[in-house]
Protein backbone atom coordinates (compact mmCIF):
# COMPACT_ATOMS: atom_id res chain seq x y z
CA MET A 1 7.41 -21.51 -25.48
CA VAL A 2 3.84 -20.70 -24.53
CA ASP A 3 3.57 -17.59 -22.39
CA TYR A 4 1.17 -16.63 -19.60
CA ARG A 5 -1.16 -14.74 -21.94
CA GLU A 6 -1.52 -17.77 -24.20
CA ARG A 7 -2.22 -20.14 -21.30
CA LEU A 8 -4.73 -17.69 -19.83
CA ASN A 9 -6.55 -17.33 -23.15
CA GLU A 10 -6.59 -21.11 -23.64
CA ALA A 11 -8.11 -21.61 -20.20
CA MET A 12 -10.64 -18.80 -20.72
CA THR A 13 -11.74 -20.31 -24.04
CA ALA A 14 -12.14 -23.75 -22.47
CA ALA A 15 -14.13 -22.24 -19.58
CA LYS A 16 -16.17 -20.09 -21.98
CA MET A 17 -15.29 -17.04 -19.90
CA ASP A 18 -14.69 -13.58 -21.31
CA THR A 19 -12.44 -10.85 -19.94
CA LYS A 20 -15.32 -8.98 -18.30
CA GLU A 21 -16.42 -12.06 -16.32
CA LEU A 22 -12.85 -12.93 -15.33
CA ALA A 23 -12.29 -9.39 -14.06
CA LYS A 24 -15.49 -9.57 -12.04
CA ARG A 25 -14.49 -12.88 -10.44
CA LEU A 26 -11.00 -11.57 -9.64
CA GLY A 27 -12.31 -8.30 -8.23
CA VAL A 28 -10.16 -6.25 -10.60
CA SER A 29 -11.07 -3.68 -13.20
CA TYR A 30 -11.86 -4.75 -16.74
CA GLN A 31 -8.87 -2.71 -17.90
CA ALA A 32 -6.48 -4.53 -15.54
CA ALA A 33 -7.72 -7.94 -16.69
CA ARG A 34 -7.66 -6.88 -20.35
CA LYS A 35 -4.00 -5.87 -20.07
CA VAL A 36 -3.06 -9.37 -18.95
CA VAL A 37 -5.37 -11.13 -21.43
CA GLU A 38 -3.90 -9.08 -24.29
CA GLY A 39 -0.31 -9.45 -23.10
CA LEU A 40 0.12 -5.77 -22.26
CA SER A 41 0.92 -6.74 -18.67
CA LYS A 42 2.99 -9.84 -17.99
CA THR A 43 0.91 -11.71 -15.38
CA PHE A 44 -1.60 -11.40 -12.58
CA SER A 45 -0.34 -11.21 -9.00
CA ALA A 46 0.23 -14.56 -7.30
CA GLU A 47 -3.07 -14.20 -5.45
CA ASN A 48 -5.04 -13.31 -8.58
CA ASN A 49 -3.31 -16.10 -10.51
CA ALA A 50 -4.55 -18.57 -7.90
CA VAL A 51 -8.09 -17.18 -8.08
CA ALA A 52 -8.05 -17.13 -11.90
CA ALA A 53 -6.85 -20.74 -11.99
CA ARG A 54 -9.60 -21.80 -9.61
CA GLU A 55 -12.29 -19.91 -11.56
CA LEU A 56 -11.01 -21.32 -14.87
CA ASN A 57 -10.70 -24.84 -13.44
CA VAL A 58 -6.97 -25.24 -14.17
CA ALA A 59 -3.97 -25.75 -11.91
CA SER A 60 -2.35 -22.53 -10.74
CA ASP A 61 1.11 -23.99 -11.47
CA TRP A 62 0.13 -24.58 -15.08
CA LEU A 63 -1.33 -21.11 -15.46
CA ALA A 64 1.64 -19.39 -13.83
CA LEU A 65 4.49 -21.50 -15.16
CA GLY A 66 3.22 -23.78 -17.88
CA ALA A 67 4.94 -26.58 -15.98
CA VAL A 68 2.80 -29.46 -17.25
CA SER A 69 0.36 -29.85 -20.08
CA TYR A 70 -3.11 -28.38 -19.76
CA THR A 71 -4.79 -31.55 -21.02
CA HIS A 72 -2.87 -33.63 -18.47
CA LEU A 73 -4.14 -31.36 -15.71
CA ARG A 74 -7.73 -31.46 -16.95
CA ALA A 75 -7.64 -35.27 -17.13
CA HIS A 76 -6.18 -35.45 -13.62
CA GLU A 77 -8.73 -33.02 -12.19
CA THR A 78 -11.59 -34.90 -13.85
CA SER A 79 -10.42 -38.18 -12.33
CA LEU A 80 -10.50 -36.62 -8.87
CA HIS A 81 -14.22 -35.76 -9.08
């Protein structure tokens, strides 16, 4: 099973966003973001998960739960624009 850290890193890679930029957009310290990115902390708060998902252009449900495939979500989001 893919965990939160893996989904977050996949989304960050696709968005070409590093930990420093994600932390800035979330309004958290670099260290706090790094802990989640590296799997040292389990997840972001619900609010920060929603913001991270928006900034990374993925569905917050996918990021938080891995409920549906990332590529399915990207295709769906693209069709909406």
